[in-house]
N, C-alpha and C. Protein backbone atom coordinates (compact mmCIF):
# COMPACT_ATOMS: atom_id res chain seq x y z
N MET A 1 -47.86 21.26 18.23
CA MET A 1 -47.67 21.20 19.94
C MET A 1 -46.57 21.67 20.10
N SER A 2 -46.37 22.86 21.18
CA SER A 2 -45.57 23.76 21.77
C SER A 2 -44.63 23.08 22.62
N GLY A 3 -43.18 23.08 22.69
CA GLY A 3 -42.54 22.72 23.66
C GLY A 3 -42.88 23.01 25.26
N GLY A 4 -42.04 23.53 25.88
CA GLY A 4 -42.12 23.44 27.34
C GLY A 4 -43.07 24.72 27.74
N ALA A 5 -43.16 25.21 28.97
CA ALA A 5 -44.53 25.80 29.56
C ALA A 5 -43.85 27.37 29.00
N ASP A 6 -42.90 27.22 29.09
CA ASP A 6 -42.38 29.30 28.01
C ASP A 6 -42.78 29.12 26.77
N GLY A 7 -43.17 28.12 25.92
CA GLY A 7 -43.59 28.16 24.75
C GLY A 7 -42.18 28.32 23.90
N GLY A 8 -40.87 27.32 24.52
CA GLY A 8 -39.76 27.43 23.50
C GLY A 8 -39.78 25.49 23.24
N ARG A 9 -38.32 25.30 22.69
CA ARG A 9 -38.99 23.66 22.83
C ARG A 9 -38.11 23.23 23.27
N ASP A 10 -38.56 22.14 23.43
CA ASP A 10 -38.33 21.31 24.97
C ASP A 10 -37.43 19.83 24.16
N PRO A 11 -35.86 19.61 24.00
CA PRO A 11 -35.18 18.64 22.92
C PRO A 11 -35.78 17.43 23.82
N GLY A 12 -36.15 17.23 25.28
CA GLY A 12 -36.42 16.18 26.10
C GLY A 12 -35.29 15.27 25.80
N LEU A 13 -35.26 13.68 25.30
CA LEU A 13 -33.72 13.35 25.70
C LEU A 13 -33.17 13.14 24.19
N GLN A 14 -33.23 14.39 23.06
CA GLN A 14 -32.61 14.38 22.20
C GLN A 14 -30.68 14.44 22.57
N PRO A 15 -30.52 15.44 23.21
CA PRO A 15 -29.05 15.79 23.26
C PRO A 15 -28.75 14.42 23.83
N GLU A 16 -29.53 13.94 24.89
CA GLU A 16 -28.54 12.42 25.17
C GLU A 16 -28.46 11.64 23.86
N ARG A 17 -29.31 10.86 23.09
CA ARG A 17 -29.34 10.33 21.82
C ARG A 17 -27.94 10.94 21.31
N THR A 18 -27.81 11.80 21.36
CA THR A 18 -26.80 11.98 20.64
C THR A 18 -25.60 12.30 20.75
N ARG A 19 -25.49 12.36 22.13
CA ARG A 19 -23.81 11.86 22.82
C ARG A 19 -23.76 11.05 22.50
N LEU A 20 -24.75 10.32 22.53
CA LEU A 20 -24.14 8.85 22.64
C LEU A 20 -24.37 8.40 21.57
N ALA A 21 -24.68 8.70 20.46
CA ALA A 21 -24.60 8.65 18.94
C ALA A 21 -22.95 8.80 18.27
N TRP A 22 -22.65 9.86 19.45
CA TRP A 22 -20.67 10.32 18.95
C TRP A 22 -20.52 9.30 19.42
N ARG A 23 -20.59 9.09 20.53
CA ARG A 23 -20.13 7.64 21.39
C ARG A 23 -19.88 6.64 20.62
N ARG A 24 -20.68 5.76 20.03
CA ARG A 24 -20.13 5.09 19.24
C ARG A 24 -20.01 4.94 17.54
N THR A 25 -20.16 6.41 17.13
CA THR A 25 -19.46 6.41 16.08
C THR A 25 -17.55 6.72 16.66
N THR A 26 -17.39 7.36 17.61
CA THR A 26 -15.82 6.92 18.19
C THR A 26 -15.25 5.68 18.28
N LEU A 27 -16.26 5.09 18.83
CA LEU A 27 -15.83 3.20 18.77
C LEU A 27 -15.78 2.74 17.84
N SER A 28 -16.73 2.89 16.86
CA SER A 28 -16.62 2.68 15.17
C SER A 28 -14.78 3.21 14.64
N GLY A 29 -15.01 4.25 14.82
CA GLY A 29 -13.55 4.65 14.49
C GLY A 29 -12.53 3.99 15.36
N THR A 30 -12.27 3.86 16.38
CA THR A 30 -11.37 3.00 16.57
C THR A 30 -11.40 1.76 17.16
N VAL A 31 -12.00 0.97 16.10
CA VAL A 31 -12.28 -0.27 15.62
C VAL A 31 -11.56 -0.11 14.70
N ALA A 32 -12.10 0.69 13.42
CA ALA A 32 -11.15 1.10 11.90
C ALA A 32 -9.79 1.43 12.08
N ALA A 33 -9.17 2.10 13.26
CA ALA A 33 -8.01 2.57 13.80
C ALA A 33 -6.92 1.32 13.70
N VAL A 34 -7.49 0.77 14.66
CA VAL A 34 -7.68 -0.69 15.22
C VAL A 34 -6.93 -1.86 13.68
N LEU A 35 -8.04 -2.02 12.81
CA LEU A 35 -7.73 -2.88 12.61
C LEU A 35 -6.66 -2.06 11.30
N ALA A 36 -6.77 -1.04 11.25
CA ALA A 36 -5.48 -0.36 9.98
C ALA A 36 -4.13 -0.24 10.90
N VAL A 37 -4.58 -0.28 11.72
CA VAL A 37 -2.54 -0.76 12.14
C VAL A 37 -2.06 -2.26 12.24
N LYS A 38 -3.49 -3.35 12.25
CA LYS A 38 -2.92 -4.30 12.29
C LYS A 38 -2.95 -4.65 10.80
N THR A 39 -3.61 -4.04 9.64
CA THR A 39 -3.40 -4.27 8.39
C THR A 39 -1.96 -4.38 8.20
N VAL A 40 -1.63 -3.12 8.62
CA VAL A 40 -0.17 -2.57 8.27
C VAL A 40 0.83 -3.03 8.99
N LEU A 41 0.90 -3.68 10.41
CA LEU A 41 1.59 -4.77 10.56
C LEU A 41 1.68 -6.46 10.24
N HIS A 42 0.81 -6.51 9.75
CA HIS A 42 0.15 -7.73 8.96
C HIS A 42 1.59 -8.02 7.91
N GLY A 43 2.02 -9.31 8.01
CA GLY A 43 2.82 -9.65 6.42
C GLY A 43 4.14 -8.74 6.57
N GLY A 44 4.37 -8.20 7.78
CA GLY A 44 5.26 -6.79 7.32
C GLY A 44 5.40 -5.58 6.89
N PRO A 45 5.37 -4.55 7.66
CA PRO A 45 5.32 -3.31 7.21
C PRO A 45 6.08 -2.64 6.08
N SER A 46 5.37 -1.96 5.06
CA SER A 46 5.71 -1.46 3.78
C SER A 46 6.10 0.27 4.16
N PRO A 47 6.44 0.83 3.80
CA PRO A 47 6.62 1.97 3.42
C PRO A 47 5.08 3.24 3.15
N ALA A 48 4.67 2.41 2.80
CA ALA A 48 3.33 3.21 2.27
C ALA A 48 1.85 2.45 2.80
N GLY A 49 2.52 1.74 3.43
CA GLY A 49 1.55 1.30 4.87
C GLY A 49 1.72 1.82 5.93
N LEU A 50 2.76 2.18 6.26
CA LEU A 50 3.03 3.05 7.57
C LEU A 50 2.46 4.11 7.41
N VAL A 51 2.45 5.25 5.87
CA VAL A 51 2.14 6.12 6.17
C VAL A 51 0.95 5.86 6.06
N ALA A 52 -0.12 5.32 5.42
CA ALA A 52 -1.80 5.05 5.37
C ALA A 52 -2.06 4.79 6.91
N GLY A 53 -1.07 3.82 7.75
CA GLY A 53 -1.74 3.60 9.09
C GLY A 53 -1.17 4.59 10.04
N ALA A 54 -0.36 5.64 9.50
CA ALA A 54 -0.14 6.64 10.22
C ALA A 54 -0.93 7.65 10.10
N LEU A 55 -1.71 7.73 9.04
CA LEU A 55 -2.80 8.94 8.93
C LEU A 55 -3.97 8.34 9.20
N CYS A 56 -4.18 7.59 8.98
CA CYS A 56 -5.67 6.54 10.26
C CYS A 56 -5.76 6.99 11.48
N CYS A 57 -4.52 7.02 11.71
CA CYS A 57 -4.72 6.79 13.16
C CYS A 57 -4.35 8.95 13.48
N ALA A 58 -4.00 9.47 12.60
CA ALA A 58 -4.11 10.55 12.94
C ALA A 58 -5.33 11.18 12.76
N LEU A 59 -6.26 10.40 11.38
CA LEU A 59 -7.59 11.35 11.21
C LEU A 59 -8.43 10.92 12.72
N TRP A 60 -8.07 9.30 13.19
CA TRP A 60 -8.65 9.43 14.02
C TRP A 60 -8.83 9.89 16.16
N LEU A 61 -7.53 10.19 15.71
CA LEU A 61 -7.54 11.47 16.46
C LEU A 61 -8.02 12.87 16.19
N ALA A 62 -8.08 13.46 14.89
CA ALA A 62 -8.71 14.54 14.79
C ALA A 62 -10.41 14.30 15.53
N PHE A 63 -10.96 13.39 14.63
CA PHE A 63 -12.74 12.93 14.94
C PHE A 63 -12.76 12.67 16.41
N LEU A 64 -12.07 11.96 16.96
CA LEU A 64 -11.92 11.76 18.13
C LEU A 64 -11.97 13.53 19.69
N TYR A 65 -11.16 14.07 18.57
CA TYR A 65 -11.04 15.49 19.22
C TYR A 65 -12.55 16.37 19.32
N LEU A 66 -13.39 16.45 18.08
CA LEU A 66 -14.06 16.70 17.92
C LEU A 66 -14.94 16.01 18.13
N ALA A 67 -15.54 14.74 18.26
CA ALA A 67 -17.06 14.39 19.53
C ALA A 67 -15.96 14.57 20.40
N HIS A 68 -14.91 14.36 21.39
CA HIS A 68 -15.35 15.17 22.65
C HIS A 68 -15.53 16.44 22.75
N LEU A 69 -14.96 17.19 21.37
CA LEU A 69 -15.91 18.95 21.57
C LEU A 69 -17.29 18.94 21.60
N ARG A 70 -18.22 17.88 21.06
CA ARG A 70 -19.74 17.49 20.91
C ARG A 70 -19.88 17.24 21.78
N ILE A 71 -19.46 16.17 22.70
CA ILE A 71 -20.46 15.90 23.21
C ILE A 71 -20.29 16.56 24.99
N HIS A 72 -19.66 17.30 24.85
CA HIS A 72 -19.04 18.50 25.95
C HIS A 72 -19.96 19.56 25.94
N THR A 73 -20.09 19.76 24.58
CA THR A 73 -21.45 21.04 24.03
C THR A 73 -22.87 20.26 24.43
N LEU A 74 -22.95 18.93 24.36
CA LEU A 74 -24.23 18.27 24.86
C LEU A 74 -24.14 18.08 26.57
N THR A 75 -23.06 18.16 26.42
CA THR A 75 -23.68 18.01 28.52
C THR A 75 -23.51 19.02 29.30
N ALA A 76 -22.93 19.79 28.54
CA ALA A 76 -22.71 21.22 29.22
C ALA A 76 -24.11 22.77 29.58
N SER A 77 -25.05 22.11 28.78
CA SER A 77 -26.15 22.58 29.34
C SER A 77 -27.24 22.11 28.84
N ASP A 78 -28.63 22.45 29.33
CA ASP A 78 -29.94 21.65 29.03
C ASP A 78 -30.45 22.22 27.43
N THR A 79 -29.76 23.17 27.02
CA THR A 79 -30.18 23.98 25.37
C THR A 79 -28.82 23.88 25.00
N PRO A 80 -28.25 22.66 24.22
CA PRO A 80 -27.24 22.91 23.72
C PRO A 80 -26.99 23.41 21.81
N THR A 81 -25.94 24.29 21.95
CA THR A 81 -26.04 25.11 20.47
C THR A 81 -25.84 23.87 19.75
N ALA A 82 -26.22 24.49 18.14
CA ALA A 82 -26.09 23.57 17.02
C ALA A 82 -24.75 23.01 16.82
N LEU A 83 -24.23 22.35 15.99
CA LEU A 83 -23.15 21.41 15.74
C LEU A 83 -22.44 23.32 14.66
N PRO A 84 -21.63 23.70 15.01
CA PRO A 84 -21.11 24.59 14.16
C PRO A 84 -20.43 23.76 13.03
N PRO A 85 -20.51 24.61 11.83
CA PRO A 85 -20.70 24.30 10.25
C PRO A 85 -18.87 23.52 10.07
N ARG A 86 -18.65 24.45 10.74
CA ARG A 86 -16.91 23.61 10.39
C ARG A 86 -16.25 22.65 11.43
N HIS A 87 -17.04 22.44 12.03
CA HIS A 87 -16.93 21.10 12.40
C HIS A 87 -17.59 20.12 12.00
N ALA A 88 -18.60 20.14 12.01
CA ALA A 88 -19.18 19.28 10.73
C ALA A 88 -18.92 19.09 9.79
N THR A 89 -17.94 19.51 8.44
CA THR A 89 -17.46 19.46 7.89
C THR A 89 -16.27 18.68 7.98
N ALA A 90 -15.37 19.61 9.42
CA ALA A 90 -14.27 18.41 9.61
C ALA A 90 -14.48 17.18 9.91
N ALA A 91 -15.63 16.66 10.86
CA ALA A 91 -16.19 15.77 10.96
C ALA A 91 -16.00 14.70 9.88
N VAL A 92 -17.03 15.12 9.00
CA VAL A 92 -16.86 14.39 7.21
C VAL A 92 -15.67 13.98 7.13
N LEU A 93 -14.86 15.03 6.73
CA LEU A 93 -13.51 14.91 6.00
C LEU A 93 -12.69 13.81 6.80
N CYS A 94 -12.75 13.71 8.13
CA CYS A 94 -12.41 13.14 8.77
C CYS A 94 -12.37 11.49 8.74
N THR A 95 -14.03 11.68 8.50
CA THR A 95 -14.70 9.81 8.26
C THR A 95 -14.35 9.81 6.94
N VAL A 96 -14.45 10.52 5.81
CA VAL A 96 -14.03 9.98 4.27
C VAL A 96 -12.44 9.52 4.43
N ALA A 97 -11.93 10.62 4.43
CA ALA A 97 -10.40 10.32 4.49
C ALA A 97 -9.97 9.16 4.99
N MET A 98 -10.70 8.71 6.60
CA MET A 98 -10.37 7.43 7.53
C MET A 98 -10.47 6.09 6.44
N ALA A 99 -11.85 6.45 5.65
CA ALA A 99 -12.42 5.52 5.26
C ALA A 99 -11.45 4.91 3.29
N ALA A 100 -10.91 6.40 2.72
CA ALA A 100 -10.21 6.26 1.65
C ALA A 100 -8.56 5.45 2.05
N CYS A 101 -7.82 6.02 3.32
CA CYS A 101 -7.04 5.22 3.84
C CYS A 101 -7.02 3.66 4.48
N GLY A 102 -8.21 3.13 5.17
CA GLY A 102 -8.31 1.98 5.02
C GLY A 102 -8.83 1.10 3.36
N ALA A 103 -9.26 1.60 2.56
CA ALA A 103 -9.67 1.24 1.49
C ALA A 103 -8.20 0.80 0.14
N ALA A 104 -7.29 2.10 1.03
CA ALA A 104 -6.04 1.71 0.51
C ALA A 104 -5.25 0.94 0.97
N LEU A 105 -5.53 0.74 1.94
CA LEU A 105 -4.80 -0.05 2.85
C LEU A 105 -5.06 -1.68 2.41
N VAL A 106 -6.30 -2.29 2.37
CA VAL A 106 -6.79 -3.14 1.58
C VAL A 106 -6.49 -3.43 0.44
N PHE A 107 -6.46 -2.64 -0.67
CA PHE A 107 -6.25 -2.64 -1.60
C PHE A 107 -4.49 -2.63 -2.55
């Protein structure tokens, strides 16, 4: 079945759902960064803990910036462009590195 009257793709509510997913993911990252800082400060901060906590916060800010760019792209037009591979790679690297920092703080 074709999309709209012009035969193009009708995205429907997909851009809005994707925008909301990016917002939920940034909220999850915010919670993870706050918990990382709480873990660092619990029981007295150590130098390694401070570095891991600061890195977690920096990665969160980088992910927040990437998410903001994507959310802006999704709301800017009716037919948003695809996520550039460079941004997708950066978002994945931020997420994986933040998880690694969190694991380092726990162990």
